[in-house]
Amino acid sequence: MMVRPLVGIVTLLLVSGSAAWAADGAAIFNAQCAKCHGDTGKSDTTIGKAMKVPALAGDPNVQKMSDADVAARIKGNAKHPPTVKSLSDDDINAVAAYVKQLAGK
């Protein structure tokens, strides 16, 4: 009889633990991308304006793209600094999902 509650507790711990390990797209974006794209994705930073970085917020083209296409665009952009290109696939996928949220605003 004690096995059933233990299985439930272990399952809950595993699920909540894996969520804690998931990449935080907003945090990575703010650390790696906001320098140029801005905190809100409007590319309203000094660097963003100087480099004519496209705004992500409200971009209808980004809205139409899949998360995988956005991730590929992030990886393939020659203007992205090496620190962005050194991110893991999980990190880039998390950023791509966050960028899609920004595009919808």
C-alpha atoms as a PDB file:
ATOM      1  CA  MET A   1       0.000   0.000   0.000  1.00  0.00           C
ATOM      2  CA  MET A   2       2.906   2.379   0.648  1.00  0.00           C
ATOM      3  CA  VAL A   3       4.212   1.916  -2.917  1.00  0.00           C
ATOM      4  CA  ARG A   4       1.453   3.924  -4.626  1.00  0.00           C
ATOM      5  CA  PRO A   5       2.111   7.184  -2.692  1.00  0.00           C
ATOM      6  CA  LEU A   6       5.855   6.768  -3.229  1.00  0.00           C
ATOM      7  CA  VAL A   7       5.389   6.355  -6.986  1.00  0.00           C
ATOM      8  CA  GLY A   8       3.310   9.533  -7.038  1.00  0.00           C
ATOM      9  CA  ILE A   9       5.914  11.480  -5.092  1.00  0.00           C
ATOM     10  CA  VAL A  10       8.785  10.242  -7.248  1.00  0.00           C
ATOM     11  CA  THR A  11       6.864  11.097 -10.424  1.00  0.00           C
ATOM     12  CA  LEU A  12       6.119  14.589  -9.139  1.00  0.00           C
ATOM     13  CA  LEU A  13       9.767  15.155  -8.250  1.00  0.00           C
ATOM     14  CA  LEU A  14      10.936  13.972 -11.652  1.00  0.00           C
ATOM     15  CA  VAL A  15       8.465  16.178 -13.510  1.00  0.00           C
ATOM     16  CA  SER A  16       9.203  19.266 -11.438  1.00  0.00           C
ATOM     17  CA  GLY A  17      12.945  18.596 -11.600  1.00  0.00           C
ATOM     18  CA  SER A  18      12.969  18.319 -15.380  1.00  0.00           C
ATOM     19  CA  ALA A  19      11.073  21.615 -15.639  1.00  0.00           C
ATOM     20  CA  ALA A  20      13.769  23.253 -13.538  1.00  0.00           C
ATOM     21  CA  TRP A  21      16.398  22.018 -15.974  1.00  0.00           C
ATOM     22  CA  ALA A  22      14.577  23.350 -19.017  1.00  0.00           C
ATOM     23  CA  ALA A  23      16.219  26.311 -20.701  1.00  0.00           C
ATOM     24  CA  ASP A  24      14.727  29.710 -19.886  1.00  0.00           C
ATOM     25  CA  GLY A  25      14.331  31.446 -23.244  1.00  0.00           C
ATOM     26  CA  ALA A  26      13.570  34.861 -21.734  1.00  0.00           C
ATOM     27  CA  ALA A  27      16.635  34.783 -19.479  1.00  0.00           C
ATOM     28  CA  ILE A  28      18.912  33.678 -22.316  1.00  0.00           C
ATOM     29  CA  PHE A  29      17.421  36.320 -24.626  1.00  0.00           C
ATOM     30  CA  ASN A  30      18.006  39.020 -22.016  1.00  0.00           C
ATOM     31  CA  ALA A  31      21.589  37.878 -21.453  1.00  0.00           C
ATOM     32  CA  GLN A  32      22.584  37.259 -25.069  1.00  0.00           C
ATOM     33  CA  CYS A  33      20.194  39.011 -27.453  1.00  0.00           C
ATOM     34  CA  ALA A  34      18.800  42.092 -25.726  1.00  0.00           C
ATOM     35  CA  LYS A  35      22.053  44.007 -26.213  1.00  0.00           C
ATOM     36  CA  CYS A  36      21.057  44.444 -29.853  1.00  0.00           C
ATOM     37  CA  HIS A  37      17.395  43.404 -30.085  1.00  0.00           C
ATOM     38  CA  GLY A  38      16.377  45.218 -26.876  1.00  0.00           C
ATOM     39  CA  ASP A  39      14.601  43.862 -23.810  1.00  0.00           C
ATOM     40  CA  THR A  40      11.244  44.068 -25.572  1.00  0.00           C
ATOM     41  CA  GLY A  41      12.475  42.885 -28.980  1.00  0.00           C
ATOM     42  CA  LYS A  42      12.003  46.332 -30.524  1.00  0.00           C
ATOM     43  CA  SER A  43      15.718  46.773 -31.386  1.00  0.00           C
ATOM     44  CA  ASP A  44      15.658  50.126 -29.632  1.00  0.00           C
ATOM     45  CA  THR A  45      19.186  49.891 -28.211  1.00  0.00           C
ATOM     46  CA  THR A  46      22.086  52.054 -29.321  1.00  0.00           C
ATOM     47  CA  ILE A  47      23.810  49.028 -30.825  1.00  0.00           C
ATOM     48  CA  GLY A  48      20.601  47.805 -32.440  1.00  0.00           C
ATOM     49  CA  LYS A  49      19.985  51.162 -34.080  1.00  0.00           C
ATOM     50  CA  ALA A  50      23.595  51.510 -35.240  1.00  0.00           C
ATOM     51  CA  MET A  51      23.610  48.018 -36.772  1.00  0.00           C
ATOM     52  CA  LYS A  52      20.053  48.358 -38.124  1.00  0.00           C
ATOM     53  CA  VAL A  53      19.011  45.225 -36.260  1.00  0.00           C
ATOM     54  CA  PRO A  54      15.465  44.212 -37.191  1.00  0.00           C
ATOM     55  CA  ALA A  55      12.786  44.455 -34.528  1.00  0.00           C
ATOM     56  CA  LEU A  56      11.388  41.092 -33.465  1.00  0.00           C
ATOM     57  CA  ALA A  57       8.380  42.402 -31.547  1.00  0.00           C
ATOM     58  CA  GLY A  58       5.331  42.432 -33.782  1.00  0.00           C
ATOM     59  CA  ASP A  59       7.212  41.032 -36.789  1.00  0.00           C
ATOM     60  CA  PRO A  60       4.606  39.253 -38.945  1.00  0.00           C
ATOM     61  CA  ASN A  61       7.285  37.204 -40.730  1.00  0.00           C
ATOM     62  CA  VAL A  62       8.576  35.786 -37.456  1.00  0.00           C
ATOM     63  CA  GLN A  63       4.990  35.134 -36.358  1.00  0.00           C
ATOM     64  CA  LYS A  64       4.484  32.890 -39.412  1.00  0.00           C
ATOM     65  CA  MET A  65       7.690  30.910 -38.841  1.00  0.00           C
ATOM     66  CA  SER A  66       7.855  27.675 -36.872  1.00  0.00           C
ATOM     67  CA  ASP A  67       9.997  27.531 -33.736  1.00  0.00           C
ATOM     68  CA  ALA A  68      12.422  25.309 -35.665  1.00  0.00           C
ATOM     69  CA  ASP A  69      12.714  27.896 -38.455  1.00  0.00           C
ATOM     70  CA  VAL A  70      13.369  30.665 -35.928  1.00  0.00           C
ATOM     71  CA  ALA A  71      16.041  28.496 -34.258  1.00  0.00           C
ATOM     72  CA  ALA A  72      17.673  27.852 -37.639  1.00  0.00           C
ATOM     73  CA  ARG A  73      17.640  31.578 -38.391  1.00  0.00           C
ATOM     74  CA  ILE A  74      19.293  32.297 -35.027  1.00  0.00           C
ATOM     75  CA  LYS A  75      21.995  29.703 -35.680  1.00  0.00           C
ATOM     76  CA  GLY A  76      22.599  30.764 -39.269  1.00  0.00           C
ATOM     77  CA  ASN A  77      22.746  34.534 -38.789  1.00  0.00           C
ATOM     78  CA  ALA A  78      26.294  35.650 -39.586  1.00  0.00           C
ATOM     79  CA  LYS A  79      25.794  38.848 -37.546  1.00  0.00           C
ATOM     80  CA  HIS A  80      25.202  36.971 -34.301  1.00  0.00           C
ATOM     81  CA  PRO A  81      28.225  37.019 -31.995  1.00  0.00           C
ATOM     82  CA  PRO A  82      30.118  33.810 -31.213  1.00  0.00           C
ATOM     83  CA  THR A  83      28.546  33.660 -27.747  1.00  0.00           C
ATOM     84  CA  VAL A  84      25.130  33.180 -29.346  1.00  0.00           C
ATOM     85  CA  LYS A  85      26.459  30.551 -31.721  1.00  0.00           C
ATOM     86  CA  SER A  86      27.984  28.641 -28.807  1.00  0.00           C
ATOM     87  CA  LEU A  87      24.589  28.164 -27.100  1.00  0.00           C
ATOM     88  CA  SER A  88      23.248  24.636 -26.847  1.00  0.00           C
ATOM     89  CA  ASP A  89      20.401  23.498 -29.087  1.00  0.00           C
ATOM     90  CA  ASP A  90      18.092  23.482 -26.052  1.00  0.00           C
ATOM     91  CA  ASP A  91      19.031  27.086 -25.280  1.00  0.00           C
ATOM     92  CA  ILE A  92      18.488  28.194 -28.874  1.00  0.00           C
ATOM     93  CA  ASN A  93      15.156  26.386 -29.040  1.00  0.00           C
ATOM     94  CA  ALA A  94      14.081  28.122 -25.833  1.00  0.00           C
ATOM     95  CA  VAL A  95      15.124  31.504 -27.254  1.00  0.00           C
ATOM     96  CA  ALA A  96      13.278  30.733 -30.501  1.00  0.00           C
ATOM     97  CA  ALA A  97      10.082  30.043 -28.566  1.00  0.00           C
ATOM     98  CA  TYR A  98      10.545  33.302 -26.649  1.00  0.00           C
ATOM     99  CA  VAL A  99      11.182  35.243 -29.870  1.00  0.00           C
ATOM    100  CA  LYS A 100       7.919  33.852 -31.238  1.00  0.00           C
ATOM    101  CA  GLN A 101       6.174  35.271 -28.163  1.00  0.00           C
ATOM    102  CA  LEU A 102       7.793  38.662 -28.784  1.00  0.00           C
ATOM    103  CA  ALA A 103       6.737  38.562 -32.428  1.00  0.00           C
ATOM    104  CA  GLY A 104       3.146  38.102 -31.348  1.00  0.00           C
ATOM    105  CA  LYS A 105       3.179  41.345 -29.359  1.00  0.00           C
END
